[in-house]
Amino acid sequence: MIVPVLLIRHAHAGARKDWDGDDLDRPLSEKGRRQAAALVAQLDVFAPQRVLTSPYVRCAETVMLLAASLSLPLERSDALAEGSGAEALSLVRSLADDKVALCTHGDVIPEVLVALADEDRLDLGVRPRQAKGSVWVLEAQKGTFVRATYLPPPA
């Protein structure tokens, strides 16, 4: 049985330099809120059974509507925080046989993807992307990732 793990980059949150507070608390922009709402319809078909997020506000806001639509709690995980590529990879591997949605950051996603491409020979295509609000659908079979499909951010 092939199981999808959804690796989501948080939606648009505006520029870090324009935010006065702690970056952990930087929220989604209006564009990001629209992307987050559109992600619900896009990802609902995968029927994740868990929704995990980085503790950063912009990540939680990206997937909270998805979690609510599925009547699931939003689980925060430090393994998905900025700078946690190795921890995120371990988390992704531990969830390879679960239908799960994971929301993380632009520095974490490439680390996870490169490791899966190297270790599982996962084909990421010619130019792997990771735009804000985009999703990688990582399909696993018996603990090994066998297919990756990029879903661009919702319009």
C-alpha atoms as a PDB file:
ATOM      1  CA  MET A   1       0.000   0.000   0.000  1.00  0.00           C
ATOM      2  CA  ILE A   2       1.380   3.397  -0.992  1.00  0.00           C
ATOM      3  CA  VAL A   3       1.002   6.096   1.651  1.00  0.00           C
ATOM      4  CA  PRO A   4       1.274   9.858   0.992  1.00  0.00           C
ATOM      5  CA  VAL A   5       3.312  12.063   3.308  1.00  0.00           C
ATOM      6  CA  LEU A   6       2.530  15.712   2.542  1.00  0.00           C
ATOM      7  CA  LEU A   7       5.538  17.997   3.025  1.00  0.00           C
ATOM      8  CA  ILE A   8       4.187  21.547   3.006  1.00  0.00           C
ATOM      9  CA  ARG A   9       6.151  24.786   2.910  1.00  0.00           C
ATOM     10  CA  HIS A  10       4.363  27.447   4.910  1.00  0.00           C
ATOM     11  CA  ALA A  11       2.322  29.925   2.910  1.00  0.00           C
ATOM     12  CA  HIS A  12       3.374  33.508   2.206  1.00  0.00           C
ATOM     13  CA  ALA A  13       4.234  35.440   5.363  1.00  0.00           C
ATOM     14  CA  GLY A  14       5.766  38.628   4.054  1.00  0.00           C
ATOM     15  CA  ALA A  15       9.384  39.683   4.443  1.00  0.00           C
ATOM     16  CA  ARG A  16      11.280  38.869   7.627  1.00  0.00           C
ATOM     17  CA  LYS A  17      12.883  42.327   7.518  1.00  0.00           C
ATOM     18  CA  ASP A  18       9.447  43.992   7.677  1.00  0.00           C
ATOM     19  CA  TRP A  19       8.427  42.172  10.880  1.00  0.00           C
ATOM     20  CA  ASP A  20       9.326  43.889  14.157  1.00  0.00           C
ATOM     21  CA  GLY A  21       8.603  41.049  16.572  1.00  0.00           C
ATOM     22  CA  ASP A  22      10.154  37.654  17.193  1.00  0.00           C
ATOM     23  CA  ASP A  23      10.302  35.758  13.898  1.00  0.00           C
ATOM     24  CA  LEU A  24       8.643  32.789  15.624  1.00  0.00           C
ATOM     25  CA  ASP A  25       5.498  34.931  15.827  1.00  0.00           C
ATOM     26  CA  ARG A  26       5.449  36.248  12.235  1.00  0.00           C
ATOM     27  CA  PRO A  27       1.968  35.518  10.822  1.00  0.00           C
ATOM     28  CA  LEU A  28       0.793  34.815   7.306  1.00  0.00           C
ATOM     29  CA  SER A  29       0.146  37.726   4.985  1.00  0.00           C
ATOM     30  CA  GLU A  30      -3.223  38.198   3.292  1.00  0.00           C
ATOM     31  CA  LYS A  31      -1.843  36.267   0.312  1.00  0.00           C
ATOM     32  CA  GLY A  32      -0.695  33.521   2.691  1.00  0.00           C
ATOM     33  CA  ARG A  33      -4.137  33.276   4.293  1.00  0.00           C
ATOM     34  CA  ARG A  34      -5.673  32.821   0.840  1.00  0.00           C
ATOM     35  CA  GLN A  35      -3.089  30.114   0.045  1.00  0.00           C
ATOM     36  CA  ALA A  36      -3.806  28.340   3.355  1.00  0.00           C
ATOM     37  CA  ALA A  37      -7.548  28.337   2.654  1.00  0.00           C
ATOM     38  CA  ALA A  38      -6.975  26.954  -0.854  1.00  0.00           C
ATOM     39  CA  LEU A  39      -4.693  24.200   0.507  1.00  0.00           C
ATOM     40  CA  VAL A  40      -7.691  22.657   2.290  1.00  0.00           C
ATOM     41  CA  ALA A  41      -9.407  21.665  -0.968  1.00  0.00           C
ATOM     42  CA  GLN A  42      -6.106  20.705  -2.582  1.00  0.00           C
ATOM     43  CA  LEU A  43      -4.998  18.381   0.243  1.00  0.00           C
ATOM     44  CA  ASP A  44      -8.296  17.095   1.591  1.00  0.00           C
ATOM     45  CA  VAL A  45      -8.268  14.340  -1.055  1.00  0.00           C
ATOM     46  CA  PHE A  46      -5.151  12.823   0.527  1.00  0.00           C
ATOM     47  CA  ALA A  47      -7.072  12.374   3.806  1.00  0.00           C
ATOM     48  CA  PRO A  48      -4.171  12.850   6.204  1.00  0.00           C
ATOM     49  CA  GLN A  49      -4.811  11.294   9.603  1.00  0.00           C
ATOM     50  CA  ARG A  50      -2.418  13.649  11.411  1.00  0.00           C
ATOM     51  CA  VAL A  51      -1.369  17.270  10.846  1.00  0.00           C
ATOM     52  CA  LEU A  52       1.996  18.293  12.285  1.00  0.00           C
ATOM     53  CA  THR A  53       3.540  21.743  12.128  1.00  0.00           C
ATOM     54  CA  SER A  54       6.599  23.707  13.049  1.00  0.00           C
ATOM     55  CA  PRO A  55       5.920  25.764  16.182  1.00  0.00           C
ATOM     56  CA  TYR A  56       6.314  28.976  14.117  1.00  0.00           C
ATOM     57  CA  VAL A  57       3.018  30.881  13.778  1.00  0.00           C
ATOM     58  CA  ARG A  58       3.184  31.055   9.977  1.00  0.00           C
ATOM     59  CA  CYS A  59       3.397  27.261   9.730  1.00  0.00           C
ATOM     60  CA  ALA A  60       0.571  26.653  12.184  1.00  0.00           C
ATOM     61  CA  GLU A  61      -1.623  29.172  10.346  1.00  0.00           C
ATOM     62  CA  THR A  62      -0.866  27.434   7.042  1.00  0.00           C
ATOM     63  CA  VAL A  63      -2.340  24.097   8.140  1.00  0.00           C
ATOM     64  CA  MET A  64      -4.835  24.951  10.882  1.00  0.00           C
ATOM     65  CA  LEU A  65      -7.770  25.140   8.443  1.00  0.00           C
ATOM     66  CA  LEU A  66      -6.742  21.773   6.985  1.00  0.00           C
ATOM     67  CA  ALA A  67      -6.630  20.224  10.461  1.00  0.00           C
ATOM     68  CA  ALA A  68      -9.998  21.765  11.333  1.00  0.00           C
ATOM     69  CA  SER A  69     -11.596  20.496   8.106  1.00  0.00           C
ATOM     70  CA  LEU A  70     -10.419  16.976   8.967  1.00  0.00           C
ATOM     71  CA  SER A  71     -11.416  17.318  12.664  1.00  0.00           C
ATOM     72  CA  LEU A  72      -7.805  16.674  13.660  1.00  0.00           C
ATOM     73  CA  PRO A  73      -5.706  18.348  16.342  1.00  0.00           C
ATOM     74  CA  LEU A  74      -2.825  20.491  15.172  1.00  0.00           C
ATOM     75  CA  GLU A  75       0.361  18.899  16.524  1.00  0.00           C
ATOM     76  CA  ARG A  76       3.396  21.162  16.974  1.00  0.00           C
ATOM     77  CA  SER A  77       6.830  19.601  16.521  1.00  0.00           C
ATOM     78  CA  ASP A  78      10.220  21.234  17.071  1.00  0.00           C
ATOM     79  CA  ALA A  79      11.579  18.749  14.503  1.00  0.00           C
ATOM     80  CA  LEU A  80       9.868  20.877  11.831  1.00  0.00           C
ATOM     81  CA  ALA A  81      11.262  24.233  13.022  1.00  0.00           C
ATOM     82  CA  GLU A  82      13.742  26.312  11.025  1.00  0.00           C
ATOM     83  CA  GLY A  83      17.240  24.830  11.117  1.00  0.00           C
ATOM     84  CA  SER A  84      15.985  21.327  11.949  1.00  0.00           C
ATOM     85  CA  GLY A  85      16.668  19.513   8.673  1.00  0.00           C
ATOM     86  CA  ALA A  86      18.166  16.365  10.228  1.00  0.00           C
ATOM     87  CA  GLU A  87      15.401  16.136  12.818  1.00  0.00           C
ATOM     88  CA  ALA A  88      12.761  16.714  10.140  1.00  0.00           C
ATOM     89  CA  LEU A  89      14.237  13.922   8.024  1.00  0.00           C
ATOM     90  CA  SER A  90      14.048  11.540  11.000  1.00  0.00           C
ATOM     91  CA  LEU A  91      10.439  12.574  11.584  1.00  0.00           C
ATOM     92  CA  VAL A  92       9.516  12.090   7.908  1.00  0.00           C
ATOM     93  CA  ARG A  93      11.141   8.648   7.920  1.00  0.00           C
ATOM     94  CA  SER A  94       9.325   7.677  11.139  1.00  0.00           C
ATOM     95  CA  LEU A  95       6.006   8.627   9.511  1.00  0.00           C
ATOM     96  CA  ALA A  96       6.646   6.975   6.130  1.00  0.00           C
ATOM     97  CA  ASP A  97       3.804   4.512   6.645  1.00  0.00           C
ATOM     98  CA  ASP A  98       1.315   7.098   7.957  1.00  0.00           C
ATOM     99  CA  LYS A  99      -1.019   9.433   6.077  1.00  0.00           C
ATOM    100  CA  VAL A 100       0.282  12.710   7.452  1.00  0.00           C
ATOM    101  CA  ALA A 101       0.624  16.393   6.587  1.00  0.00           C
ATOM    102  CA  LEU A 102       3.773  18.183   7.791  1.00  0.00           C
ATOM    103  CA  CYS A 103       4.271  21.958   7.571  1.00  0.00           C
ATOM    104  CA  THR A 104       7.793  23.323   7.708  1.00  0.00           C
ATOM    105  CA  HIS A 105      10.215  25.915   6.317  1.00  0.00           C
ATOM    106  CA  GLY A 106      12.190  26.675   3.172  1.00  0.00           C
ATOM    107  CA  ASP A 107      15.512  25.666   4.711  1.00  0.00           C
ATOM    108  CA  VAL A 108      14.210  22.301   5.945  1.00  0.00           C
ATOM    109  CA  ILE A 109      12.485  21.008   2.808  1.00  0.00           C
ATOM    110  CA  PRO A 110      15.614  20.830   0.594  1.00  0.00           C
ATOM    111  CA  GLU A 111      17.506  18.943   3.298  1.00  0.00           C
ATOM    112  CA  VAL A 112      14.732  16.359   3.514  1.00  0.00           C
ATOM    113  CA  LEU A 113      14.344  16.064  -0.262  1.00  0.00           C
ATOM    114  CA  VAL A 114      18.079  15.753  -0.968  1.00  0.00           C
ATOM    115  CA  ALA A 115      18.432  13.036   1.665  1.00  0.00           C
ATOM    116  CA  LEU A 116      15.454  11.093   0.284  1.00  0.00           C
ATOM    117  CA  ALA A 117      16.795  11.453  -3.269  1.00  0.00           C
ATOM    118  CA  ASP A 118      20.186  10.143  -2.167  1.00  0.00           C
ATOM    119  CA  GLU A 119      19.060   7.402   0.202  1.00  0.00           C
ATOM    120  CA  ASP A 120      15.877   6.154  -1.514  1.00  0.00           C
ATOM    121  CA  ARG A 121      16.802   7.166  -5.078  1.00  0.00           C
ATOM    122  CA  LEU A 122      13.707   9.352  -5.091  1.00  0.00           C
ATOM    123  CA  ASP A 123      13.290  11.190  -8.399  1.00  0.00           C
ATOM    124  CA  LEU A 124      12.591  14.878  -7.739  1.00  0.00           C
ATOM    125  CA  GLY A 125      12.563  15.919 -11.378  1.00  0.00           C
ATOM    126  CA  VAL A 126      14.952  18.217 -13.198  1.00  0.00           C
ATOM    127  CA  ARG A 127      14.508  21.353 -11.061  1.00  0.00           C
ATOM    128  CA  PRO A 128      12.904  20.657  -7.689  1.00  0.00           C
ATOM    129  CA  ARG A 129      11.020  23.650  -6.361  1.00  0.00           C
ATOM    130  CA  GLN A 130       9.674  24.726  -2.993  1.00  0.00           C
ATOM    131  CA  ALA A 131       7.647  27.907  -3.338  1.00  0.00           C
ATOM    132  CA  LYS A 132       5.787  29.239  -0.306  1.00  0.00           C
ATOM    133  CA  GLY A 133       2.478  27.408  -0.019  1.00  0.00           C
ATOM    134  CA  SER A 134       3.659  24.485  -2.155  1.00  0.00           C
ATOM    135  CA  VAL A 135       3.473  20.808  -1.279  1.00  0.00           C
ATOM    136  CA  TRP A 136       5.599  17.769  -1.998  1.00  0.00           C
ATOM    137  CA  VAL A 137       3.523  14.592  -2.016  1.00  0.00           C
ATOM    138  CA  LEU A 138       6.008  11.938  -0.923  1.00  0.00           C
ATOM    139  CA  GLU A 139       4.706   8.442  -1.490  1.00  0.00           C
ATOM    140  CA  ALA A 140       6.139   5.662   0.618  1.00  0.00           C
ATOM    141  CA  GLN A 141       5.856   1.919   0.369  1.00  0.00           C
ATOM    142  CA  LYS A 142       7.080  -0.244   3.237  1.00  0.00           C
ATOM    143  CA  GLY A 143       9.139   2.605   4.691  1.00  0.00           C
ATOM    144  CA  THR A 144      10.865   3.605   1.446  1.00  0.00           C
ATOM    145  CA  PHE A 145       9.916   6.702  -0.496  1.00  0.00           C
ATOM    146  CA  VAL A 146       9.156   5.684  -4.077  1.00  0.00           C
ATOM    147  CA  ARG A 147       7.595   8.753  -5.696  1.00  0.00           C
ATOM    148  CA  ALA A 148       7.578  12.521  -5.209  1.00  0.00           C
ATOM    149  CA  THR A 149       5.112  14.902  -6.824  1.00  0.00           C
ATOM    150  CA  TYR A 150       5.350  18.661  -6.560  1.00  0.00           C
ATOM    151  CA  LEU A 151       2.125  20.635  -6.164  1.00  0.00           C
ATOM    152  CA  PRO A 152       2.655  24.353  -6.815  1.00  0.00           C
ATOM    153  CA  PRO A 153       1.056  26.855  -4.453  1.00  0.00           C
ATOM    154  CA  PRO A 154      -2.656  27.393  -4.972  1.00  0.00           C
ATOM    155  CA  ALA A 155      -3.399  30.398  -7.179  1.00  0.00           C
END
